[in-house]
Amino acid sequence: MTEPPPATSGVRTLRHEYETRGLHRSDVDGDPIAQFARWYEDAAAEGVYEPHAVALATVDPDGRPDCRFVLLRGVDERGFQFFTSYASAKAGQLDAAGEAALTWGWLELHRQVRARGPVRRLSAEESDAYFASRPRGSQIAAWASPQSAVLAKRADLERRVAEAEERFADGPVPRPEHWGGYLLEPREVEFWQGRKSRLHDRIRYRREDGGWTIERLAP
């Protein structure tokens, strides 16, 4: 059998023991959004880099899975909000399937959160409000980038940026109609806490009869 190349030789043997106090049913809030807020605040307080970075999993029309990181830009009693170009590949998949999954990995704290459920576009008013809060450069980028389209060369993108900057040089940058937000309304949320010997704690919330059922899962 061929030996793996040196760059990958440690993949099978690299291990860390997760020495934490664990996660008990009595520790968690009855509402997963409130529990998420607790853990998010912990991650931010501990200096986790980009604690709002979340992997968004979708499926394309052929049933092939897709995944990429986005930034969580809002959370309330309805669920989790993020923003993108409606012309992007991810937006097409979200609109077609109407379902998605999110995963946060706060590895410094040996924690992971997963959520899945239906997803829908936010109102134009909510998208306008968030777009107005973005740095001007990010606003220009939303107009300039044909997200997910093939570019012949970087210079083409830079030309589009220059054109957008010239177009809006004398005033504020409005939100383009092809850009806005999504809301994932969770039906399931799982909180994972790493434990020694891979005997991790997993607490899952399931939406049931208008409330939340909380249960422990085997690691």
C-alpha atoms as a PDB file:
ATOM      1  CA  MET A   1       0.000   0.000   0.000  1.00  0.00           C
ATOM      2  CA  THR A   2       1.305   3.455  -0.914  1.00  0.00           C
ATOM      3  CA  GLU A   3       2.188   5.645   2.053  1.00  0.00           C
ATOM      4  CA  PRO A   4       0.355   8.978   2.267  1.00  0.00           C
ATOM      5  CA  PRO A   5       2.403  12.047   1.343  1.00  0.00           C
ATOM      6  CA  PRO A   6       4.101  13.893   4.243  1.00  0.00           C
ATOM      7  CA  ALA A   7       1.640  16.803   4.072  1.00  0.00           C
ATOM      8  CA  THR A   8      -1.207  14.507   5.111  1.00  0.00           C
ATOM      9  CA  SER A   9       0.648  12.004   7.278  1.00  0.00           C
ATOM     10  CA  GLY A  10      -0.659  13.491  10.530  1.00  0.00           C
ATOM     11  CA  VAL A  11      -4.345  13.536   9.611  1.00  0.00           C
ATOM     12  CA  ARG A  12      -5.116  10.168  11.165  1.00  0.00           C
ATOM     13  CA  THR A  13      -3.130  10.696  14.336  1.00  0.00           C
ATOM     14  CA  LEU A  14      -3.739  14.352  15.284  1.00  0.00           C
ATOM     15  CA  ARG A  15      -6.028  14.353  18.311  1.00  0.00           C
ATOM     16  CA  HIS A  16      -7.045  16.675  21.121  1.00  0.00           C
ATOM     17  CA  GLU A  17      -8.852  15.692  24.277  1.00  0.00           C
ATOM     18  CA  TYR A  18     -11.770  17.995  25.087  1.00  0.00           C
ATOM     19  CA  GLU A  19     -11.530  18.663  28.815  1.00  0.00           C
ATOM     20  CA  THR A  20     -14.710  20.605  29.612  1.00  0.00           C
ATOM     21  CA  ARG A  21     -17.330  20.518  32.326  1.00  0.00           C
ATOM     22  CA  GLY A  22     -19.838  19.251  29.800  1.00  0.00           C
ATOM     23  CA  LEU A  23     -23.391  20.225  28.951  1.00  0.00           C
ATOM     24  CA  HIS A  24     -26.300  19.085  31.085  1.00  0.00           C
ATOM     25  CA  ARG A  25     -30.010  19.335  30.409  1.00  0.00           C
ATOM     26  CA  SER A  26     -30.357  21.550  33.456  1.00  0.00           C
ATOM     27  CA  ASP A  27     -27.796  23.976  31.994  1.00  0.00           C
ATOM     28  CA  VAL A  28     -29.740  24.950  28.888  1.00  0.00           C
ATOM     29  CA  ASP A  29     -32.473  27.500  28.344  1.00  0.00           C
ATOM     30  CA  GLY A  30     -35.911  26.304  27.318  1.00  0.00           C
ATOM     31  CA  ASP A  31     -35.634  28.302  24.085  1.00  0.00           C
ATOM     32  CA  PRO A  32     -32.850  27.481  21.598  1.00  0.00           C
ATOM     33  CA  ILE A  33     -32.521  31.086  20.440  1.00  0.00           C
ATOM     34  CA  ALA A  34     -31.819  32.196  24.013  1.00  0.00           C
ATOM     35  CA  GLN A  35     -29.353  29.315  24.420  1.00  0.00           C
ATOM     36  CA  PHE A  36     -27.655  30.295  21.157  1.00  0.00           C
ATOM     37  CA  ALA A  37     -27.318  33.875  22.403  1.00  0.00           C
ATOM     38  CA  ARG A  38     -25.572  32.589  25.549  1.00  0.00           C
ATOM     39  CA  TRP A  39     -23.071  30.536  23.589  1.00  0.00           C
ATOM     40  CA  TYR A  40     -22.502  33.277  21.025  1.00  0.00           C
ATOM     41  CA  GLU A  41     -21.692  35.732  23.812  1.00  0.00           C
ATOM     42  CA  ASP A  42     -19.281  33.174  25.311  1.00  0.00           C
ATOM     43  CA  ALA A  43     -17.528  32.800  21.947  1.00  0.00           C
ATOM     44  CA  ALA A  44     -17.216  36.557  21.466  1.00  0.00           C
ATOM     45  CA  ALA A  45     -15.970  37.068  25.041  1.00  0.00           C
ATOM     46  CA  GLU A  46     -13.313  34.370  24.579  1.00  0.00           C
ATOM     47  CA  GLY A  47     -11.994  36.076  21.464  1.00  0.00           C
ATOM     48  CA  VAL A  48     -13.130  33.468  18.937  1.00  0.00           C
ATOM     49  CA  TYR A  49     -12.233  34.826  15.492  1.00  0.00           C
ATOM     50  CA  GLU A  50     -15.401  35.684  13.532  1.00  0.00           C
ATOM     51  CA  PRO A  51     -17.854  33.999  15.948  1.00  0.00           C
ATOM     52  CA  HIS A  52     -20.661  34.909  13.556  1.00  0.00           C
ATOM     53  CA  ALA A  53     -19.118  32.888  10.693  1.00  0.00           C
ATOM     54  CA  VAL A  54     -21.433  29.987   9.905  1.00  0.00           C
ATOM     55  CA  ALA A  55     -21.362  27.194   7.331  1.00  0.00           C
ATOM     56  CA  LEU A  56     -24.504  27.277   5.193  1.00  0.00           C
ATOM     57  CA  ALA A  57     -25.467  23.947   3.624  1.00  0.00           C
ATOM     58  CA  THR A  58     -27.854  23.769   0.671  1.00  0.00           C
ATOM     59  CA  VAL A  59     -28.746  21.357  -2.109  1.00  0.00           C
ATOM     60  CA  ASP A  60     -28.821  22.101  -5.830  1.00  0.00           C
ATOM     61  CA  PRO A  61     -31.645  21.128  -8.231  1.00  0.00           C
ATOM     62  CA  ASP A  62     -29.851  17.844  -9.005  1.00  0.00           C
ATOM     63  CA  GLY A  63     -29.756  16.886  -5.341  1.00  0.00           C
ATOM     64  CA  ARG A  64     -26.029  17.577  -4.953  1.00  0.00           C
ATOM     65  CA  PRO A  65     -25.040  19.122  -1.602  1.00  0.00           C
ATOM     66  CA  ASP A  66     -23.234  22.438  -1.404  1.00  0.00           C
ATOM     67  CA  CYS A  67     -21.678  24.298   1.527  1.00  0.00           C
ATOM     68  CA  ARG A  68     -19.948  27.619   2.170  1.00  0.00           C
ATOM     69  CA  PHE A  69     -19.371  30.085   4.991  1.00  0.00           C
ATOM     70  CA  VAL A  70     -21.554  33.167   5.382  1.00  0.00           C
ATOM     71  CA  LEU A  71     -21.828  35.692   8.209  1.00  0.00           C
ATOM     72  CA  LEU A  72     -24.740  35.661  10.631  1.00  0.00           C
ATOM     73  CA  ARG A  73     -26.092  39.207  10.602  1.00  0.00           C
ATOM     74  CA  GLY A  74     -29.126  38.934  12.836  1.00  0.00           C
ATOM     75  CA  VAL A  75     -30.917  36.618  15.235  1.00  0.00           C
ATOM     76  CA  ASP A  76     -34.303  37.092  16.876  1.00  0.00           C
ATOM     77  CA  GLU A  77     -37.279  35.002  17.981  1.00  0.00           C
ATOM     78  CA  ARG A  78     -37.928  34.042  14.349  1.00  0.00           C
ATOM     79  CA  GLY A  79     -34.483  32.593  13.668  1.00  0.00           C
ATOM     80  CA  PHE A  80     -31.168  33.370  11.958  1.00  0.00           C
ATOM     81  CA  GLN A  81     -30.496  36.022   9.299  1.00  0.00           C
ATOM     82  CA  PHE A  82     -27.805  36.319   6.630  1.00  0.00           C
ATOM     83  CA  PHE A  83     -27.426  38.304   3.405  1.00  0.00           C
ATOM     84  CA  THR A  84     -26.231  37.606  -0.115  1.00  0.00           C
ATOM     85  CA  SER A  85     -26.793  38.320  -3.790  1.00  0.00           C
ATOM     86  CA  TYR A  86     -30.105  36.907  -4.985  1.00  0.00           C
ATOM     87  CA  ALA A  87     -28.332  36.158  -8.279  1.00  0.00           C
ATOM     88  CA  SER A  88     -25.790  33.872  -6.580  1.00  0.00           C
ATOM     89  CA  ALA A  89     -25.729  30.086  -6.749  1.00  0.00           C
ATOM     90  CA  LYS A  90     -26.576  29.813  -3.061  1.00  0.00           C
ATOM     91  CA  ALA A  91     -29.633  32.041  -3.457  1.00  0.00           C
ATOM     92  CA  GLY A  92     -30.906  29.935  -6.347  1.00  0.00           C
ATOM     93  CA  GLN A  93     -30.550  26.819  -4.217  1.00  0.00           C
ATOM     94  CA  LEU A  94     -32.233  28.453  -1.221  1.00  0.00           C
ATOM     95  CA  ASP A  95     -35.160  29.685  -3.290  1.00  0.00           C
ATOM     96  CA  ALA A  96     -35.643  26.348  -5.045  1.00  0.00           C
ATOM     97  CA  ALA A  97     -35.410  24.058  -2.018  1.00  0.00           C
ATOM     98  CA  GLY A  98     -36.812  26.340   0.655  1.00  0.00           C
ATOM     99  CA  GLU A  99     -34.748  24.476   3.277  1.00  0.00           C
ATOM    100  CA  ALA A 100     -31.180  24.857   4.558  1.00  0.00           C
ATOM    101  CA  ALA A 101     -28.844  24.049   7.440  1.00  0.00           C
ATOM    102  CA  LEU A 102     -26.361  26.141   9.428  1.00  0.00           C
ATOM    103  CA  THR A 103     -23.326  25.051  11.472  1.00  0.00           C
ATOM    104  CA  TRP A 104     -21.204  27.185  13.803  1.00  0.00           C
ATOM    105  CA  GLY A 105     -17.877  25.781  14.996  1.00  0.00           C
ATOM    106  CA  TRP A 106     -16.434  27.536  18.045  1.00  0.00           C
ATOM    107  CA  LEU A 107     -13.526  25.135  18.312  1.00  0.00           C
ATOM    108  CA  GLU A 108     -11.607  27.076  20.951  1.00  0.00           C
ATOM    109  CA  LEU A 109     -14.521  26.350  23.302  1.00  0.00           C
ATOM    110  CA  HIS A 110     -15.011  22.791  21.986  1.00  0.00           C
ATOM    111  CA  ARG A 111     -18.490  23.770  20.860  1.00  0.00           C
ATOM    112  CA  GLN A 112     -20.641  23.370  17.785  1.00  0.00           C
ATOM    113  CA  VAL A 113     -24.191  24.497  17.027  1.00  0.00           C
ATOM    114  CA  ARG A 114     -26.304  23.149  14.197  1.00  0.00           C
ATOM    115  CA  ALA A 115     -29.684  24.427  12.985  1.00  0.00           C
ATOM    116  CA  ARG A 116     -31.925  23.460  10.108  1.00  0.00           C
ATOM    117  CA  GLY A 117     -35.338  24.414   8.845  1.00  0.00           C
ATOM    118  CA  PRO A 118     -37.245  26.372   6.221  1.00  0.00           C
ATOM    119  CA  VAL A 119     -35.651  29.467   4.764  1.00  0.00           C
ATOM    120  CA  ARG A 120     -37.245  32.501   3.138  1.00  0.00           C
ATOM    121  CA  ARG A 121     -36.280  35.950   1.946  1.00  0.00           C
ATOM    122  CA  LEU A 122     -36.452  38.831   4.388  1.00  0.00           C
ATOM    123  CA  SER A 123     -38.654  41.800   3.600  1.00  0.00           C
ATOM    124  CA  ALA A 124     -37.296  44.593   1.432  1.00  0.00           C
ATOM    125  CA  GLU A 125     -37.477  46.896   4.453  1.00  0.00           C
ATOM    126  CA  GLU A 126     -35.245  44.612   6.544  1.00  0.00           C
ATOM    127  CA  SER A 127     -32.783  44.205   3.697  1.00  0.00           C
ATOM    128  CA  ASP A 128     -32.710  47.971   3.142  1.00  0.00           C
ATOM    129  CA  ALA A 129     -31.989  48.602   6.816  1.00  0.00           C
ATOM    130  CA  TYR A 130     -29.092  46.176   6.939  1.00  0.00           C
ATOM    131  CA  PHE A 131     -27.646  47.339   3.603  1.00  0.00           C
ATOM    132  CA  ALA A 132     -27.616  50.934   4.851  1.00  0.00           C
ATOM    133  CA  SER A 133     -25.474  49.829   7.822  1.00  0.00           C
ATOM    134  CA  ARG A 134     -22.760  48.258   5.662  1.00  0.00           C
ATOM    135  CA  PRO A 135     -19.443  49.979   4.897  1.00  0.00           C
ATOM    136  CA  ARG A 136     -19.562  51.879   1.629  1.00  0.00           C
ATOM    137  CA  GLY A 137     -17.003  49.559   0.043  1.00  0.00           C
ATOM    138  CA  SER A 138     -19.236  46.569   0.748  1.00  0.00           C
ATOM    139  CA  GLN A 139     -22.205  48.424  -0.703  1.00  0.00           C
ATOM    140  CA  ILE A 140     -20.244  49.115  -3.891  1.00  0.00           C
ATOM    141  CA  ALA A 141     -19.206  45.459  -4.044  1.00  0.00           C
ATOM    142  CA  ALA A 142     -22.855  44.361  -4.002  1.00  0.00           C
ATOM    143  CA  TRP A 143     -23.416  46.361  -7.194  1.00  0.00           C
ATOM    144  CA  ALA A 144     -20.122  45.410  -8.834  1.00  0.00           C
ATOM    145  CA  SER A 145     -19.870  41.657  -8.298  1.00  0.00           C
ATOM    146  CA  PRO A 146     -21.934  39.298 -10.479  1.00  0.00           C
ATOM    147  CA  GLN A 147     -21.682  36.743  -7.675  1.00  0.00           C
ATOM    148  CA  SER A 148     -21.026  33.131  -8.786  1.00  0.00           C
ATOM    149  CA  ALA A 149     -20.631  34.167 -12.454  1.00  0.00           C
ATOM    150  CA  VAL A 150     -17.454  33.241 -14.339  1.00  0.00           C
ATOM    151  CA  LEU A 151     -14.938  36.084 -14.677  1.00  0.00           C
ATOM    152  CA  ALA A 152     -12.370  36.070 -17.454  1.00  0.00           C
ATOM    153  CA  LYS A 153      -9.912  38.045 -15.334  1.00  0.00           C
ATOM    154  CA  ARG A 154      -9.693  40.030 -12.091  1.00  0.00           C
ATOM    155  CA  ALA A 155      -9.489  43.260 -14.099  1.00  0.00           C
ATOM    156  CA  ASP A 156     -13.105  42.763 -15.187  1.00  0.00           C
ATOM    157  CA  LEU A 157     -14.249  42.875 -11.575  1.00  0.00           C
ATOM    158  CA  GLU A 158     -12.080  45.893 -10.824  1.00  0.00           C
ATOM    159  CA  ARG A 159     -13.586  47.687 -13.829  1.00  0.00           C
ATOM    160  CA  ARG A 160     -17.095  47.007 -12.529  1.00  0.00           C
ATOM    161  CA  VAL A 161     -16.083  48.364  -9.108  1.00  0.00           C
ATOM    162  CA  ALA A 162     -14.767  51.554 -10.693  1.00  0.00           C
ATOM    163  CA  GLU A 163     -18.008  51.951 -12.667  1.00  0.00           C
ATOM    164  CA  ALA A 164     -20.125  51.540  -9.522  1.00  0.00           C
ATOM    165  CA  GLU A 165     -17.964  54.014  -7.601  1.00  0.00           C
ATOM    166  CA  GLU A 166     -18.393  56.562 -10.392  1.00  0.00           C
ATOM    167  CA  ARG A 167     -22.151  55.930 -10.599  1.00  0.00           C
ATOM    168  CA  PHE A 168     -22.695  56.635  -6.894  1.00  0.00           C
ATOM    169  CA  ALA A 169     -19.905  59.169  -6.371  1.00  0.00           C
ATOM    170  CA  ASP A 170     -22.254  62.003  -5.447  1.00  0.00           C
ATOM    171  CA  GLY A 171     -24.489  60.284  -2.918  1.00  0.00           C
ATOM    172  CA  PRO A 172     -25.483  57.261  -0.872  1.00  0.00           C
ATOM    173  CA  VAL A 173     -25.421  53.777  -2.360  1.00  0.00           C
ATOM    174  CA  PRO A 174     -28.923  52.230  -2.518  1.00  0.00           C
ATOM    175  CA  ARG A 175     -29.495  48.509  -2.082  1.00  0.00           C
ATOM    176  CA  PRO A 176     -29.612  46.741  -5.462  1.00  0.00           C
ATOM    177  CA  GLU A 177     -32.777  44.719  -6.048  1.00  0.00           C
ATOM    178  CA  HIS A 178     -30.659  41.608  -6.632  1.00  0.00           C
ATOM    179  CA  TRP A 179     -29.221  41.686  -3.098  1.00  0.00           C
ATOM    180  CA  GLY A 180     -30.885  41.020   0.252  1.00  0.00           C
ATOM    181  CA  GLY A 181     -31.441  38.842   3.250  1.00  0.00           C
ATOM    182  CA  TYR A 182     -32.683  35.396   4.198  1.00  0.00           C
ATOM    183  CA  LEU A 183     -34.206  34.063   7.393  1.00  0.00           C
ATOM    184  CA  LEU A 184     -33.745  30.455   8.491  1.00  0.00           C
ATOM    185  CA  GLU A 185     -36.560  29.496  10.861  1.00  0.00           C
ATOM    186  CA  PRO A 186     -35.166  26.554  12.831  1.00  0.00           C
ATOM    187  CA  ARG A 187     -37.147  23.385  13.313  1.00  0.00           C
ATOM    188  CA  GLU A 188     -34.142  21.703  14.935  1.00  0.00           C
ATOM    189  CA  VAL A 189     -31.188  23.169  16.828  1.00  0.00           C
ATOM    190  CA  GLU A 190     -28.402  21.046  18.323  1.00  0.00           C
ATOM    191  CA  PHE A 191     -25.795  22.170  20.854  1.00  0.00           C
ATOM    192  CA  TRP A 192     -22.632  20.042  20.926  1.00  0.00           C
ATOM    193  CA  GLN A 193     -20.058  20.221  23.703  1.00  0.00           C
ATOM    194  CA  GLY A 194     -16.807  18.279  23.328  1.00  0.00           C
ATOM    195  CA  ARG A 195     -15.951  15.820  26.117  1.00  0.00           C
ATOM    196  CA  LYS A 196     -13.088  13.479  26.923  1.00  0.00           C
ATOM    197  CA  SER A 197     -12.681  10.225  24.919  1.00  0.00           C
ATOM    198  CA  ARG A 198     -15.156  11.460  22.301  1.00  0.00           C
ATOM    199  CA  LEU A 199     -18.058  10.990  24.732  1.00  0.00           C
ATOM    200  CA  HIS A 200     -19.463  14.352  23.733  1.00  0.00           C
ATOM    201  CA  ASP A 201     -22.638  16.006  24.995  1.00  0.00           C
ATOM    202  CA  ARG A 202     -25.365  16.675  22.427  1.00  0.00           C
ATOM    203  CA  ILE A 203     -28.583  18.486  23.337  1.00  0.00           C
ATOM    204  CA  ARG A 204     -31.186  18.822  20.592  1.00  0.00           C
ATOM    205  CA  TYR A 205     -34.251  21.049  20.422  1.00  0.00           C
ATOM    206  CA  ARG A 206     -37.103  19.955  18.123  1.00  0.00           C
ATOM    207  CA  ARG A 207     -40.050  22.168  17.229  1.00  0.00           C
ATOM    208  CA  GLU A 208     -43.179  20.264  18.226  1.00  0.00           C
ATOM    209  CA  ASP A 209     -46.787  21.405  18.710  1.00  0.00           C
ATOM    210  CA  GLY A 210     -45.764  25.056  18.817  1.00  0.00           C
ATOM    211  CA  GLY A 211     -43.090  24.497  21.468  1.00  0.00           C
ATOM    212  CA  TRP A 212     -39.689  22.889  21.864  1.00  0.00           C
ATOM    213  CA  THR A 213     -38.901  19.310  22.842  1.00  0.00           C
ATOM    214  CA  ILE A 214     -35.414  19.004  24.347  1.00  0.00           C
ATOM    215  CA  GLU A 215     -33.584  15.688  24.241  1.00  0.00           C
ATOM    216  CA  ARG A 216     -30.083  14.249  24.658  1.00  0.00           C
ATOM    217  CA  LEU A 217     -28.441  12.435  21.742  1.00  0.00           C
ATOM    218  CA  ALA A 218     -25.716   9.801  21.884  1.00  0.00           C
ATOM    219  CA  PRO A 219     -22.286  11.123  20.781  1.00  0.00           C
END
